[in-house]
Amino acid sequence: MITQKELVDSEMIRNCTAVVIDVLLATSTITYLLKKGYEPVYAVKDALSALDIVKKQKSPYLLMGEWQGESIANFHYPDPTLIETTRIKRPAIICSTNGTIAIEKAKQAKVLYVSSLINGHRVSEQIRQRADGSSIILICSGNAGRFSMEDFIGAGQIIDHLTRNNVFELSDASRLARDAFIHAKSKQFVNLLGSETAGLLKRTGYEHSTQWVIDQVEKVDVVPVYRNGKLYANHIGRERSECWLHTNKKDLSTC
């Protein structure tokens, strides 16, 4: 497990399956954009990169972004509660302080997924179905170079689901993350309301976003997958998959 994006070594993850987690809010927003019909989603590192992509668009698009929690002029704030269903599939472009930068740093991975508490159960299912023996790297975006409680819990969610039906080699960090998720779940995730990022959202007028994520835990059946610089949706039905792997041991030792 990597506890903040600044620690990602792009070369080291080339042969790995990577999952980027930014619960508050980028990966929650990206997942919900795909659920609401926005596809592909361009996740870029900053506003200038977003505007470069805007110049290439020939059809209507949605532009979202923030920097250090503050709004960016002419960008919609990347709050999932503001996203309305689009009748016609259209692209979305999003930049953020943490999550989209983490995606940029992880794009060299063999397979790259985006996860949050709202869809982590489905990301786990996708990983299990498509496992090829490579290591799984869980990347917590963190908070501007600092540890992020909600991302750690989001990583624990994936680990908890993966280890329910399979045997994995877990790092110490993975074990702690799983325990953190199980504890948070037992408390209905109210500890997220006291996180540093939740405090930032409260100060900027988006306190409701944290509660929205809590209310949506494991209710979104979309798995964002990174391909050729864009994120696309894999939709997974609510029926439990019958496609189980028969190997007895997988590797989470680097997570």
C-alpha atoms as a PDB file:
ATOM      1  CA  MET A   1       0.000   0.000   0.000  1.00  0.00           C
ATOM      2  CA  ILE A   2       1.124   3.542  -0.790  1.00  0.00           C
ATOM      3  CA  THR A   3      -0.253   6.051   1.699  1.00  0.00           C
ATOM      4  CA  GLN A   4       0.144   9.219  -0.373  1.00  0.00           C
ATOM      5  CA  LYS A   5       0.614  10.034  -4.039  1.00  0.00           C
ATOM      6  CA  GLU A   6       4.020  11.642  -3.520  1.00  0.00           C
ATOM      7  CA  LEU A   7       5.468   8.191  -2.773  1.00  0.00           C
ATOM      8  CA  VAL A   8       4.389   6.621  -6.070  1.00  0.00           C
ATOM      9  CA  ASP A   9       7.245   5.341  -8.235  1.00  0.00           C
ATOM     10  CA  SER A  10       5.745   5.184 -11.722  1.00  0.00           C
ATOM     11  CA  GLU A  11       8.360   2.737 -12.977  1.00  0.00           C
ATOM     12  CA  MET A  12       7.920   0.337 -10.060  1.00  0.00           C
ATOM     13  CA  ILE A  13       4.202  -0.160 -10.756  1.00  0.00           C
ATOM     14  CA  ARG A  14       4.455  -0.888 -14.494  1.00  0.00           C
ATOM     15  CA  ASN A  15       3.716  -4.593 -14.064  1.00  0.00           C
ATOM     16  CA  CYS A  16       1.125  -4.155 -11.325  1.00  0.00           C
ATOM     17  CA  THR A  17      -2.598  -3.695 -10.989  1.00  0.00           C
ATOM     18  CA  ALA A  18      -3.043  -0.273  -9.376  1.00  0.00           C
ATOM     19  CA  VAL A  19      -6.027   1.296  -7.642  1.00  0.00           C
ATOM     20  CA  VAL A  20      -6.159   5.026  -6.915  1.00  0.00           C
ATOM     21  CA  ILE A  21      -8.309   6.122  -3.978  1.00  0.00           C
ATOM     22  CA  ASP A  22      -9.379   9.681  -3.147  1.00  0.00           C
ATOM     23  CA  VAL A  23     -12.607   9.295  -1.193  1.00  0.00           C
ATOM     24  CA  LEU A  24     -13.066  13.052  -0.573  1.00  0.00           C
ATOM     25  CA  LEU A  25     -13.595  13.721  -3.328  1.00  0.00           C
ATOM     26  CA  ALA A  26     -11.997  13.069  -6.702  1.00  0.00           C
ATOM     27  CA  THR A  27     -12.525   9.339  -7.113  1.00  0.00           C
ATOM     28  CA  SER A  28     -16.062   9.577  -5.724  1.00  0.00           C
ATOM     29  CA  THR A  29     -16.813  12.286  -8.272  1.00  0.00           C
ATOM     30  CA  ILE A  30     -15.216  10.399 -11.172  1.00  0.00           C
ATOM     31  CA  THR A  31     -17.193   7.270 -10.328  1.00  0.00           C
ATOM     32  CA  TYR A  32     -20.434   9.234 -10.127  1.00  0.00           C
ATOM     33  CA  LEU A  33     -19.737  11.061 -13.383  1.00  0.00           C
ATOM     34  CA  LEU A  34     -19.518   7.704 -15.143  1.00  0.00           C
ATOM     35  CA  LYS A  35     -22.682   6.497 -13.429  1.00  0.00           C
ATOM     36  CA  LYS A  36     -24.530   9.599 -14.625  1.00  0.00           C
ATOM     37  CA  GLY A  37     -23.503   9.093 -18.255  1.00  0.00           C
ATOM     38  CA  TYR A  38     -20.386  11.237 -18.608  1.00  0.00           C
ATOM     39  CA  GLU A  39     -17.836   9.254 -20.593  1.00  0.00           C
ATOM     40  CA  PRO A  40     -14.962   9.318 -21.069  1.00  0.00           C
ATOM     41  CA  VAL A  41     -13.673  11.178 -18.028  1.00  0.00           C
ATOM     42  CA  TYR A  42     -10.349  12.962 -18.419  1.00  0.00           C
ATOM     43  CA  ALA A  43      -8.590  13.142 -15.037  1.00  0.00           C
ATOM     44  CA  VAL A  44      -5.752  15.652 -15.293  1.00  0.00           C
ATOM     45  CA  LYS A  45      -3.265  17.169 -12.884  1.00  0.00           C
ATOM     46  CA  ASP A  46      -4.227  20.853 -13.051  1.00  0.00           C
ATOM     47  CA  ALA A  47      -6.417  23.537 -14.601  1.00  0.00           C
ATOM     48  CA  LEU A  48      -4.038  24.271 -17.482  1.00  0.00           C
ATOM     49  CA  SER A  49      -4.044  20.612 -18.516  1.00  0.00           C
ATOM     50  CA  ALA A  50      -7.832  20.593 -18.309  1.00  0.00           C
ATOM     51  CA  LEU A  51      -8.100  23.650 -20.541  1.00  0.00           C
ATOM     52  CA  ASP A  52      -5.787  22.021 -23.082  1.00  0.00           C
ATOM     53  CA  ILE A  53      -8.253  19.151 -23.354  1.00  0.00           C
ATOM     54  CA  VAL A  54     -11.174  21.573 -23.593  1.00  0.00           C
ATOM     55  CA  LYS A  55      -9.626  23.046 -26.744  1.00  0.00           C
ATOM     56  CA  LYS A  56      -9.875  19.650 -28.444  1.00  0.00           C
ATOM     57  CA  GLN A  57     -13.542  19.065 -27.656  1.00  0.00           C
ATOM     58  CA  LYS A  58     -16.011  19.300 -30.524  1.00  0.00           C
ATOM     59  CA  SER A  59     -19.124  18.483 -28.516  1.00  0.00           C
ATOM     60  CA  PRO A  60     -20.620  19.590 -25.179  1.00  0.00           C
ATOM     61  CA  TYR A  61     -18.572  18.649 -22.112  1.00  0.00           C
ATOM     62  CA  LEU A  62     -18.513  19.128 -18.349  1.00  0.00           C
ATOM     63  CA  LEU A  63     -15.512  20.873 -16.793  1.00  0.00           C
ATOM     64  CA  MET A  64     -14.887  20.352 -13.066  1.00  0.00           C
ATOM     65  CA  GLY A  65     -11.997  21.256 -10.823  1.00  0.00           C
ATOM     66  CA  GLU A  66     -10.620  22.550  -7.548  1.00  0.00           C
ATOM     67  CA  TRP A  67      -7.250  23.526  -6.171  1.00  0.00           C
ATOM     68  CA  GLN A  68      -6.486  23.121  -2.472  1.00  0.00           C
ATOM     69  CA  GLY A  69     -10.200  22.847  -1.855  1.00  0.00           C
ATOM     70  CA  GLU A  70     -11.050  26.148  -3.523  1.00  0.00           C
ATOM     71  CA  SER A  71     -13.100  26.674  -6.664  1.00  0.00           C
ATOM     72  CA  ILE A  72     -11.408  27.465  -9.981  1.00  0.00           C
ATOM     73  CA  ALA A  73     -12.847  30.216 -12.169  1.00  0.00           C
ATOM     74  CA  ASN A  74     -15.080  28.830 -14.946  1.00  0.00           C
ATOM     75  CA  PHE A  75     -14.894  25.279 -13.523  1.00  0.00           C
ATOM     76  CA  HIS A  76     -17.740  23.505 -11.763  1.00  0.00           C
ATOM     77  CA  TYR A  77     -16.734  22.401  -8.279  1.00  0.00           C
ATOM     78  CA  PRO A  78     -16.109  18.615  -8.322  1.00  0.00           C
ATOM     79  CA  ASP A  79     -18.865  17.829  -5.860  1.00  0.00           C
ATOM     80  CA  PRO A  80     -20.760  14.642  -6.802  1.00  0.00           C
ATOM     81  CA  THR A  81     -24.029  16.036  -5.451  1.00  0.00           C
ATOM     82  CA  LEU A  82     -23.976  18.635  -8.241  1.00  0.00           C
ATOM     83  CA  ILE A  83     -23.836  16.049 -11.043  1.00  0.00           C
ATOM     84  CA  GLU A  84     -27.046  15.578 -12.996  1.00  0.00           C
ATOM     85  CA  THR A  85     -27.743  12.724 -15.385  1.00  0.00           C
ATOM     86  CA  THR A  86     -26.884  13.545 -18.988  1.00  0.00           C
ATOM     87  CA  ARG A  87     -29.268  12.233 -21.633  1.00  0.00           C
ATOM     88  CA  ILE A  88     -26.525  12.170 -24.255  1.00  0.00           C
ATOM     89  CA  LYS A  89     -23.163  10.671 -23.418  1.00  0.00           C
ATOM     90  CA  ARG A  90     -20.609  13.454 -23.166  1.00  0.00           C
ATOM     91  CA  PRO A  91     -17.065  13.804 -21.855  1.00  0.00           C
ATOM     92  CA  ALA A  92     -16.115  15.254 -18.489  1.00  0.00           C
ATOM     93  CA  ILE A  93     -12.798  16.837 -17.591  1.00  0.00           C
ATOM     94  CA  ILE A  94     -11.702  17.025 -13.972  1.00  0.00           C
ATOM     95  CA  CYS A  95      -8.649  18.268 -12.088  1.00  0.00           C
ATOM     96  CA  SER A  96      -7.989  18.230  -8.355  1.00  0.00           C
ATOM     97  CA  THR A  97      -5.334  18.735  -5.711  1.00  0.00           C
ATOM     98  CA  ASN A  98      -4.830  15.055  -4.955  1.00  0.00           C
ATOM     99  CA  GLY A  99      -6.806  12.346  -6.722  1.00  0.00           C
ATOM    100  CA  THR A 100      -6.295  13.299 -10.345  1.00  0.00           C
ATOM    101  CA  ILE A 101      -2.584  13.855  -9.731  1.00  0.00           C
ATOM    102  CA  ALA A 102      -2.417  10.361  -8.220  1.00  0.00           C
ATOM    103  CA  ILE A 103      -4.086   8.962 -11.338  1.00  0.00           C
ATOM    104  CA  GLU A 104      -1.538  10.749 -13.507  1.00  0.00           C
ATOM    105  CA  LYS A 105       1.311   9.258 -11.468  1.00  0.00           C
ATOM    106  CA  ALA A 106      -0.186   5.757 -11.646  1.00  0.00           C
ATOM    107  CA  LYS A 107      -1.019   5.692 -15.353  1.00  0.00           C
ATOM    108  CA  GLN A 108       1.964   3.452 -16.189  1.00  0.00           C
ATOM    109  CA  ALA A 109       0.422   0.550 -14.272  1.00  0.00           C
ATOM    110  CA  LYS A 110      -0.550  -2.513 -16.277  1.00  0.00           C
ATOM    111  CA  VAL A 111      -4.151  -2.030 -15.162  1.00  0.00           C
ATOM    112  CA  LEU A 112      -5.449   1.060 -13.362  1.00  0.00           C
ATOM    113  CA  TYR A 113      -8.757   1.327 -11.509  1.00  0.00           C
ATOM    114  CA  VAL A 114     -10.298   4.204  -9.580  1.00  0.00           C
ATOM    115  CA  SER A 115     -12.034   3.478  -6.292  1.00  0.00           C
ATOM    116  CA  SER A 116     -13.918   5.124  -3.457  1.00  0.00           C
ATOM    117  CA  LEU A 117     -16.078   3.882  -0.627  1.00  0.00           C
ATOM    118  CA  ILE A 118     -19.082   4.218  -2.924  1.00  0.00           C
ATOM    119  CA  ASN A 119     -17.795   1.573  -5.371  1.00  0.00           C
ATOM    120  CA  GLY A 120     -14.879  -0.203  -3.687  1.00  0.00           C
ATOM    121  CA  HIS A 121     -16.866  -3.423  -3.349  1.00  0.00           C
ATOM    122  CA  ARG A 122     -17.205  -3.571  -7.143  1.00  0.00           C
ATOM    123  CA  VAL A 123     -13.578  -2.654  -7.744  1.00  0.00           C
ATOM    124  CA  SER A 124     -12.626  -5.591  -5.529  1.00  0.00           C
ATOM    125  CA  GLU A 125     -14.878  -7.868  -7.540  1.00  0.00           C
ATOM    126  CA  GLN A 126     -13.301  -6.717 -10.788  1.00  0.00           C
ATOM    127  CA  ILE A 127      -9.794  -7.289  -9.428  1.00  0.00           C
ATOM    128  CA  ARG A 128     -10.724 -10.763  -8.274  1.00  0.00           C
ATOM    129  CA  GLN A 129     -12.276 -11.728 -11.611  1.00  0.00           C
ATOM    130  CA  ARG A 130      -9.380 -10.448 -13.690  1.00  0.00           C
ATOM    131  CA  ALA A 131      -6.451 -11.288 -11.442  1.00  0.00           C
ATOM    132  CA  ASP A 132      -3.409 -12.456 -13.373  1.00  0.00           C
ATOM    133  CA  GLY A 133      -0.960 -13.055 -10.553  1.00  0.00           C
ATOM    134  CA  SER A 134       0.536  -9.572 -10.589  1.00  0.00           C
ATOM    135  CA  SER A 135       0.875  -7.527  -7.415  1.00  0.00           C
ATOM    136  CA  ILE A 136      -1.946  -5.186  -6.465  1.00  0.00           C
ATOM    137  CA  ILE A 137      -0.923  -1.669  -5.474  1.00  0.00           C
ATOM    138  CA  LEU A 138      -3.431   0.430  -3.540  1.00  0.00           C
ATOM    139  CA  ILE A 139      -2.597   4.118  -3.840  1.00  0.00           C
ATOM    140  CA  CYS A 140      -4.090   6.480  -1.278  1.00  0.00           C
ATOM    141  CA  SER A 141      -3.986   9.964  -2.765  1.00  0.00           C
ATOM    142  CA  GLY A 142      -3.506  11.608   0.602  1.00  0.00           C
ATOM    143  CA  ASN A 143      -4.007  15.258   1.388  1.00  0.00           C
ATOM    144  CA  ALA A 144      -1.369  17.541  -0.152  1.00  0.00           C
ATOM    145  CA  GLY A 145       1.519  15.378   1.048  1.00  0.00           C
ATOM    146  CA  ARG A 146      -0.138  14.228   4.260  1.00  0.00           C
ATOM    147  CA  PHE A 147      -1.805  10.994   5.320  1.00  0.00           C
ATOM    148  CA  SER A 148      -5.547  10.835   4.674  1.00  0.00           C
ATOM    149  CA  MET A 149      -7.765   8.806   6.983  1.00  0.00           C
ATOM    150  CA  GLU A 150     -10.610   8.360   4.517  1.00  0.00           C
ATOM    151  CA  ASP A 151      -8.327   7.050   1.759  1.00  0.00           C
ATOM    152  CA  PHE A 152      -6.759   4.570   4.181  1.00  0.00           C
ATOM    153  CA  ILE A 153     -10.235   3.329   5.081  1.00  0.00           C
ATOM    154  CA  GLY A 154     -11.094   3.132   1.373  1.00  0.00           C
ATOM    155  CA  ALA A 155      -8.044   0.948   0.793  1.00  0.00           C
ATOM    156  CA  GLY A 156      -9.122  -1.226   3.703  1.00  0.00           C
ATOM    157  CA  GLN A 157     -12.508  -1.726   2.061  1.00  0.00           C
ATOM    158  CA  ILE A 158     -10.880  -3.273  -1.012  1.00  0.00           C
ATOM    159  CA  ILE A 159      -8.640  -5.484   1.117  1.00  0.00           C
ATOM    160  CA  ASP A 160     -11.561  -6.619   3.259  1.00  0.00           C
ATOM    161  CA  HIS A 161     -13.581  -7.681   0.214  1.00  0.00           C
ATOM    162  CA  LEU A 162     -10.642  -9.373  -1.488  1.00  0.00           C
ATOM    163  CA  THR A 163      -9.725 -11.427   1.559  1.00  0.00           C
ATOM    164  CA  ARG A 164     -13.224 -12.699   2.301  1.00  0.00           C
ATOM    165  CA  ASN A 165     -13.008 -15.495  -0.261  1.00  0.00           C
ATOM    166  CA  ASN A 166      -9.309 -15.744  -1.063  1.00  0.00           C
ATOM    167  CA  VAL A 167      -5.985 -15.982   0.734  1.00  0.00           C
ATOM    168  CA  PHE A 168      -3.640 -13.038   0.189  1.00  0.00           C
ATOM    169  CA  GLU A 169      -0.241 -12.118   1.479  1.00  0.00           C
ATOM    170  CA  LEU A 170      -0.842  -8.824   3.278  1.00  0.00           C
ATOM    171  CA  SER A 171       1.629  -6.153   4.234  1.00  0.00           C
ATOM    172  CA  ASP A 172       1.390  -4.637   7.708  1.00  0.00           C
ATOM    173  CA  ALA A 173      -0.173  -1.502   6.213  1.00  0.00           C
ATOM    174  CA  SER A 174      -2.807  -3.629   4.454  1.00  0.00           C
ATOM    175  CA  ARG A 175      -3.748  -5.339   7.710  1.00  0.00           C
ATOM    176  CA  LEU A 176      -4.105  -2.011   9.488  1.00  0.00           C
ATOM    177  CA  ALA A 177      -6.168  -0.577   6.640  1.00  0.00           C
ATOM    178  CA  ARG A 178      -8.543  -3.533   6.716  1.00  0.00           C
ATOM    179  CA  ASP A 179      -8.950  -3.141  10.472  1.00  0.00           C
ATOM    180  CA  ALA A 180      -9.603   0.588  10.005  1.00  0.00           C
ATOM    181  CA  PHE A 181     -12.324  -0.145   7.451  1.00  0.00           C
ATOM    182  CA  ILE A 182     -14.003  -2.765   9.623  1.00  0.00           C
ATOM    183  CA  HIS A 183     -13.994  -0.374  12.592  1.00  0.00           C
ATOM    184  CA  ALA A 184     -15.322   2.533  10.502  1.00  0.00           C
ATOM    185  CA  LYS A 185     -18.055   0.327   9.061  1.00  0.00           C
ATOM    186  CA  SER A 186     -19.144  -0.718  12.560  1.00  0.00           C
ATOM    187  CA  LYS A 187     -19.599   2.986  13.376  1.00  0.00           C
ATOM    188  CA  GLN A 188     -21.454   3.770  10.111  1.00  0.00           C
ATOM    189  CA  PHE A 189     -18.378   5.720   8.954  1.00  0.00           C
ATOM    190  CA  VAL A 190     -19.130   8.694  11.209  1.00  0.00           C
ATOM    191  CA  ASN A 191     -15.390   9.108  11.822  1.00  0.00           C
ATOM    192  CA  LEU A 192     -15.084  10.416   8.261  1.00  0.00           C
ATOM    193  CA  LEU A 193     -16.928  13.540   9.414  1.00  0.00           C
ATOM    194  CA  GLY A 194     -13.969  14.346  11.661  1.00  0.00           C
ATOM    195  CA  SER A 195     -11.295  13.852   9.027  1.00  0.00           C
ATOM    196  CA  GLU A 196      -8.976  16.640   7.946  1.00  0.00           C
ATOM    197  CA  THR A 197     -10.430  16.666   4.434  1.00  0.00           C
ATOM    198  CA  ALA A 198     -13.989  16.802   5.755  1.00  0.00           C
ATOM    199  CA  GLY A 199     -12.958  19.880   7.732  1.00  0.00           C
ATOM    200  CA  LEU A 200     -11.620  21.491   4.579  1.00  0.00           C
ATOM    201  CA  LEU A 201     -14.858  20.752   2.726  1.00  0.00           C
ATOM    202  CA  LYS A 202     -16.813  22.263   5.612  1.00  0.00           C
ATOM    203  CA  ARG A 203     -14.767  25.466   5.496  1.00  0.00           C
ATOM    204  CA  THR A 204     -15.331  25.805   1.752  1.00  0.00           C
ATOM    205  CA  GLY A 205     -19.082  25.221   1.942  1.00  0.00           C
ATOM    206  CA  TYR A 206     -19.202  21.569   0.867  1.00  0.00           C
ATOM    207  CA  GLU A 207     -19.763  19.868   4.208  1.00  0.00           C
ATOM    208  CA  HIS A 208     -22.669  17.926   2.701  1.00  0.00           C
ATOM    209  CA  SER A 209     -20.291  16.108   0.334  1.00  0.00           C
ATOM    210  CA  THR A 210     -18.804  14.033   3.148  1.00  0.00           C
ATOM    211  CA  GLN A 211     -22.227  12.922   4.343  1.00  0.00           C
ATOM    212  CA  TRP A 212     -23.185  12.109   0.754  1.00  0.00           C
ATOM    213  CA  VAL A 213     -20.216   9.749   0.444  1.00  0.00           C
ATOM    214  CA  ILE A 214     -21.178   8.069   3.724  1.00  0.00           C
ATOM    215  CA  ASP A 215     -24.765   7.654   2.521  1.00  0.00           C
ATOM    216  CA  GLN A 216     -23.573   6.158  -0.784  1.00  0.00           C
ATOM    217  CA  VAL A 217     -21.124   3.583   0.623  1.00  0.00           C
ATOM    218  CA  GLU A 218     -21.203   0.484  -1.635  1.00  0.00           C
ATOM    219  CA  LYS A 219     -24.223   1.716  -3.598  1.00  0.00           C
ATOM    220  CA  VAL A 220     -22.578   2.483  -6.951  1.00  0.00           C
ATOM    221  CA  ASP A 221     -21.915  -0.412  -9.333  1.00  0.00           C
ATOM    222  CA  VAL A 222     -19.396   1.322 -11.583  1.00  0.00           C
ATOM    223  CA  VAL A 223     -15.696   0.495 -11.895  1.00  0.00           C
ATOM    224  CA  PRO A 224     -13.682   3.265 -13.594  1.00  0.00           C
ATOM    225  CA  VAL A 225     -10.885   1.819 -15.733  1.00  0.00           C
ATOM    226  CA  TYR A 226      -8.044   3.890 -17.197  1.00  0.00           C
ATOM    227  CA  ARG A 227      -7.344   3.411 -20.910  1.00  0.00           C
ATOM    228  CA  ASN A 228      -5.300   5.630 -23.200  1.00  0.00           C
ATOM    229  CA  GLY A 229      -5.493   8.698 -20.995  1.00  0.00           C
ATOM    230  CA  LYS A 230      -9.203   8.417 -20.247  1.00  0.00           C
ATOM    231  CA  LEU A 231     -11.455   6.736 -17.708  1.00  0.00           C
ATOM    232  CA  TYR A 232     -14.278   4.481 -18.842  1.00  0.00           C
ATOM    233  CA  ALA A 233     -16.987   2.655 -16.912  1.00  0.00           C
ATOM    234  CA  ASN A 234     -17.240  -1.053 -16.334  1.00  0.00           C
ATOM    235  CA  HIS A 235     -20.757  -1.596 -15.009  1.00  0.00           C
ATOM    236  CA  ILE A 236     -21.161  -4.584 -12.715  1.00  0.00           C
ATOM    237  CA  GLY A 237     -24.609  -5.953 -11.967  1.00  0.00           C
ATOM    238  CA  ARG A 238     -25.789  -6.436  -8.422  1.00  0.00           C
ATOM    239  CA  GLU A 239     -25.947 -10.205  -8.909  1.00  0.00           C
ATOM    240  CA  ARG A 240     -23.021 -11.906  -7.228  1.00  0.00           C
ATOM    241  CA  SER A 241     -20.513 -13.108  -9.780  1.00  0.00           C
ATOM    242  CA  GLU A 242     -20.024 -16.830 -10.202  1.00  0.00           C
ATOM    243  CA  CYS A 243     -16.617 -16.301 -11.774  1.00  0.00           C
ATOM    244  CA  TRP A 244     -14.346 -17.297  -8.892  1.00  0.00           C
ATOM    245  CA  LEU A 245     -10.629 -17.806  -9.185  1.00  0.00           C
ATOM    246  CA  HIS A 246      -9.382 -21.206  -8.119  1.00  0.00           C
ATOM    247  CA  THR A 247      -5.876 -20.278  -7.091  1.00  0.00           C
ATOM    248  CA  ASN A 248      -5.268 -20.334  -3.359  1.00  0.00           C
ATOM    249  CA  LYS A 249      -2.790 -17.531  -2.953  1.00  0.00           C
ATOM    250  CA  LYS A 250      -2.424 -14.058  -4.400  1.00  0.00           C
ATOM    251  CA  ASP A 251       0.015 -11.289  -3.669  1.00  0.00           C
ATOM    252  CA  LEU A 252      -0.792  -8.121  -1.782  1.00  0.00           C
ATOM    253  CA  SER A 253       2.641  -8.001  -0.235  1.00  0.00           C
ATOM    254  CA  THR A 254       3.512  -4.666  -1.829  1.00  0.00           C
ATOM    255  CA  CYS A 255       0.271  -2.997  -0.793  1.00  0.00           C
END
